[in-house]
Protein backbone atom coordinates (compact mmCIF):
# COMPACT_ATOMS: atom_id res chain seq x y z
CA MET A 1 -34.56 -43.61 -46.72
CA ALA A 2 -33.86 -47.13 -45.74
CA ASN A 3 -32.18 -49.93 -48.28
CA GLY A 4 -30.01 -47.09 -50.10
CA GLU A 5 -32.69 -45.41 -52.38
CA SER A 6 -32.17 -42.27 -52.88
CA MET A 7 -34.87 -39.37 -52.33
CA PRO A 8 -36.69 -38.13 -55.19
CA GLY A 9 -34.64 -35.35 -57.07
CA SER A 10 -31.89 -35.99 -55.38
CA GLN A 11 -28.80 -37.24 -57.84
CA SER A 12 -26.82 -40.07 -56.64
CA SER A 13 -23.18 -40.94 -57.10
CA PRO A 14 -21.56 -43.11 -59.93
CA PRO A 15 -20.51 -46.27 -57.91
CA ALA A 16 -16.63 -45.30 -56.12
CA ARG A 17 -13.77 -47.20 -57.78
CA SER A 18 -10.83 -48.60 -56.26
CA PRO A 19 -8.25 -46.06 -55.74
CA GLY A 20 -5.42 -48.11 -57.76
CA ARG A 21 -7.72 -48.30 -60.58
CA GLU A 22 -7.45 -45.71 -63.56
CA ARG A 23 -10.17 -45.71 -66.48
CA GLY A 24 -9.58 -46.91 -69.33
CA PHE A 25 -7.55 -49.84 -70.69
CA PRO A 26 -5.91 -51.14 -68.00
CA GLY A 27 -2.04 -51.89 -67.93
CA LEU A 28 -1.72 -49.32 -70.71
CA ARG A 29 0.31 -46.95 -68.56
CA SER A 30 2.83 -49.85 -67.80
CA LEU A 31 2.93 -50.51 -71.79
CA LEU A 32 3.92 -46.63 -72.33
CA LEU A 33 6.57 -47.25 -69.79
CA ALA A 34 8.47 -50.49 -71.20
CA LEU A 35 7.62 -48.64 -74.50
CA VAL A 36 10.03 -45.64 -72.96
CA ALA A 37 12.37 -47.66 -70.92
CA LEU A 38 12.81 -50.02 -74.31
CA GLY A 39 13.09 -47.23 -76.77
CA ALA A 40 15.97 -45.44 -74.37
CA LEU A 41 17.66 -48.64 -74.34
CA GLY A 42 17.63 -49.31 -78.31
CA LEU A 43 18.90 -45.63 -78.99
CA SER A 44 21.28 -45.66 -76.14
CA VAL A 45 23.16 -49.38 -78.17
CA GLU A 46 22.80 -47.37 -81.69
CA LEU A 47 24.24 -44.66 -79.81
CA ILE A 48 27.65 -46.08 -78.34
CA LEU A 49 27.85 -48.27 -81.71
CA LEU A 50 28.21 -45.60 -83.72
CA GLU A 51 30.56 -43.43 -81.32
CA HIS A 52 28.21 -40.29 -80.76
CA TRP A 53 30.75 -38.48 -78.38
CA SER A 54 33.33 -37.20 -80.43
CA ALA A 55 31.58 -33.19 -79.53
CA LEU A 56 30.45 -31.99 -76.74
CA PRO A 57 27.11 -31.24 -78.42
CA GLN A 58 27.28 -35.44 -79.16
CA LEU A 59 27.23 -35.97 -75.57
CA THR A 60 23.59 -34.81 -74.85
CA PRO A 61 21.37 -37.26 -76.49
CA LEU A 62 23.90 -40.10 -74.37
CA VAL A 63 23.07 -38.00 -70.83
CA THR A 64 19.64 -37.69 -71.84
CA LEU A 65 19.29 -40.96 -72.15
CA THR A 66 20.60 -42.08 -69.03
CA LEU A 67 18.28 -39.58 -67.28
CA VAL A 68 15.26 -41.02 -69.12
CA LEU A 69 16.55 -44.61 -68.32
CA ALA A 70 17.21 -43.40 -64.50
CA THR A 71 13.72 -41.67 -64.15
CA THR A 72 11.92 -44.78 -66.18
CA GLY A 73 13.15 -46.98 -63.54
CA ALA A 74 12.35 -44.95 -60.77
CA VAL A 75 8.71 -44.39 -61.96
CA ALA A 76 8.23 -48.04 -62.12
CA LEU A 77 9.84 -48.73 -58.48
CA ARG A 78 8.20 -45.73 -57.04
CA PRO A 79 5.33 -43.84 -58.87
CA GLY A 80 5.14 -41.11 -56.52
CA ARG A 81 4.06 -37.61 -57.23
CA THR A 82 8.12 -36.17 -57.39
CA THR A 83 8.92 -39.04 -59.39
CA VAL A 84 6.30 -38.61 -62.22
CA ARG A 85 7.44 -35.28 -62.34
CA ALA A 86 10.83 -35.73 -62.42
CA PHE A 87 10.37 -38.16 -65.25
CA ARG A 88 7.79 -35.46 -67.02
CA GLY A 89 10.92 -32.78 -66.60
CA VAL A 90 12.95 -34.91 -68.63
CA MET A 91 10.70 -36.16 -71.27
CA LEU A 92 10.21 -32.49 -71.75
CA TRP A 93 14.09 -32.48 -72.36
CA ALA A 94 13.96 -35.14 -74.31
CA VAL A 95 11.67 -33.53 -76.78
CA VAL A 96 13.78 -30.21 -76.40
CA ALA A 97 16.91 -32.02 -77.11
CA GLY A 98 16.06 -34.02 -80.13
CA LEU A 99 14.49 -31.19 -82.01
CA THR A 100 18.13 -29.09 -81.26
CA GLY A 101 19.48 -32.48 -82.69
CA ILE A 102 17.61 -32.00 -86.04
CA ALA A 103 18.58 -28.86 -86.23
CA LEU A 104 22.14 -28.97 -85.55
CA HIS A 105 22.35 -31.75 -88.09
CA PHE A 106 21.04 -30.13 -90.59
CA ARG A 107 23.16 -27.33 -90.09
CA ASP A 108 26.25 -29.75 -90.03
CA ASN A 109 24.69 -31.38 -93.60
CA VAL A 110 24.37 -27.85 -94.84
CA ALA A 111 28.02 -26.82 -93.62
CA PHE A 112 29.49 -30.45 -95.28
CA GLU A 113 27.73 -29.61 -98.60
CA ARG A 114 28.84 -25.56 -98.86
CA GLU A 115 32.46 -27.26 -98.62
CA VAL A 116 31.91 -29.77 -100.81
CA THR A 117 29.97 -27.36 -103.81
CA PRO A 118 30.25 -23.59 -102.58
CA GLU A 119 28.33 -22.69 -105.79
CA ALA A 120 25.32 -24.68 -104.90
CA SER A 121 22.04 -22.83 -105.39
CA LEU A 122 19.74 -22.42 -102.46
CA GLY A 123 17.20 -25.18 -103.14
CA SER A 124 20.25 -27.64 -103.77
CA LEU A 125 21.82 -26.98 -100.68
CA THR A 126 18.52 -27.11 -98.90
CA TRP A 127 17.94 -30.83 -100.56
CA HIS A 128 21.70 -32.38 -100.12
CA ALA A 129 21.26 -31.19 -96.79
CA LEU A 130 18.20 -33.21 -95.91
CA ARG A 131 19.61 -36.02 -97.62
CA GLY A 132 22.87 -35.61 -96.07
CA ALA A 133 25.70 -37.79 -94.94
CA THR A 134 24.24 -36.97 -90.91
CA PRO A 135 20.60 -38.52 -90.90
CA LEU A 136 18.61 -35.48 -90.35
CA LEU A 137 15.24 -37.23 -88.91
CA ALA A 138 17.94 -39.68 -86.39
CA PRO A 139 17.02 -37.09 -83.23
CA GLY A 140 13.45 -36.84 -84.02
CA SER A 141 13.53 -40.51 -82.20
CA LEU A 142 14.72 -38.73 -79.20
CA ALA A 143 11.58 -36.54 -79.49
CA GLN A 144 9.26 -39.02 -80.53
CA LEU A 145 10.70 -40.83 -77.13
CA GLY A 146 9.85 -37.85 -74.97
CA LEU A 147 6.16 -37.55 -76.52
CA LEU A 148 5.60 -40.99 -75.49
CA GLY A 149 6.76 -40.62 -71.83
CA LEU A 150 5.07 -37.38 -71.75
CA VAL A 151 1.52 -39.28 -72.61
CA PHE A 152 2.71 -41.84 -69.75
CA THR A 153 2.31 -38.53 -67.50
CA TYR A 154 -1.19 -37.16 -68.80
CA ARG A 155 -3.65 -37.56 -65.97
CA HIS A 156 -1.72 -39.53 -63.53
CA PRO A 157 -2.76 -40.53 -60.57
CA ALA A 158 0.31 -39.33 -58.55
CA LEU A 159 0.43 -36.02 -60.25
CA ARG A 160 -3.58 -35.40 -58.14
CA LEU A 161 -3.38 -32.66 -55.98
CA PRO A 162 -3.68 -33.43 -52.30
CA HIS A 163 -7.35 -32.02 -51.76
CA ASP A 164 -8.57 -34.42 -54.77
CA SER A 165 -10.49 -37.44 -54.02
CA ALA A 166 -8.67 -40.74 -54.97
CA LEU A 167 -12.05 -41.87 -55.96
CA ALA A 168 -12.87 -38.50 -58.15
CA THR A 169 -14.00 -39.44 -61.64
CA GLU A 170 -15.13 -37.04 -64.13
CA ASP A 171 -18.59 -38.33 -64.07
CA SER A 172 -18.54 -37.53 -59.95
CA PRO A 173 -20.84 -34.26 -59.38
CA PRO A 174 -19.06 -31.63 -58.31
CA ALA A 175 -18.48 -31.12 -54.77
CA ARG A 176 -20.88 -28.81 -52.69
CA ASP A 177 -19.79 -25.47 -51.36
CA PRO A 178 -20.80 -24.80 -47.96
CA ARG A 179 -20.49 -20.66 -49.35
CA THR A 180 -23.36 -20.96 -51.70
CA GLU A 181 -25.85 -23.98 -50.93
CA SER A 182 -27.51 -24.02 -47.97
CA ASP A 183 -29.36 -27.54 -46.71
CA ALA A 184 -32.62 -25.86 -45.85
CA PRO A 185 -35.07 -25.69 -48.88
CA LEU A 186 -35.72 -22.19 -50.03
CA ASP A 187 -39.63 -22.21 -50.07
CA LYS A 188 -39.69 -23.04 -46.51
CA GLU A 189 -39.46 -21.05 -43.49
CA ILE A 190 -37.27 -21.41 -40.44
CA THR A 191 -38.44 -21.30 -37.30
C-alpha cells in the first residue's frame, strides 16, 4: 500500500535501530569495562606493595591481572568477536583463580593454626583460620572482578552470530522460514 501503510492483518516490524546502538543504558558497557580496568590496576598495585610473589602460586593473581589489563585494553580499542571472547576467557580464569585463592588462603591459615595450637578442636581451628593472618576473602576480589567482566560480555554485540541481523531486537518478529510458509493464502486456489 502507499505511504508506508501495512495490509490489514499483517504484522509490522518495530522501527529499526542503528547498528552501533545497544538497548538499555547507553554507556553502561563502557562503565563496566572501566571498572574492570580500575579494579585490576588497584589489585595489581596492592599485590606489588604486599610483595605477593614469594612462591609460585602467589604469582597467579599477578599474571591473571596482567592478562585482565591486556584484554581490557584490547576490548576497549578493538571490540571485535575475537577480543571479546579472549576477554571472556580471561574473566572466567579470574573467577577460577579467585576461588582457588580463597581455598589456598584457608589452607595456609589452617596449617598456621595447627602449628600454633596443635590440640585445637575442629571448630576452633576453623574459626581461627577464617580470621587468620592471610586474608581469606582477599582473593574474592579477583573473582568479583572476573564476574564484573563477564557481565560486560553478556549479550555483547560483537558476539552475535554472523547470520544474526545487526538490527534484530528481542521484540522483532521471528524470521520467516520459506520451507514452512507459503506466500499464497491457503483458501485460494492457485491457477
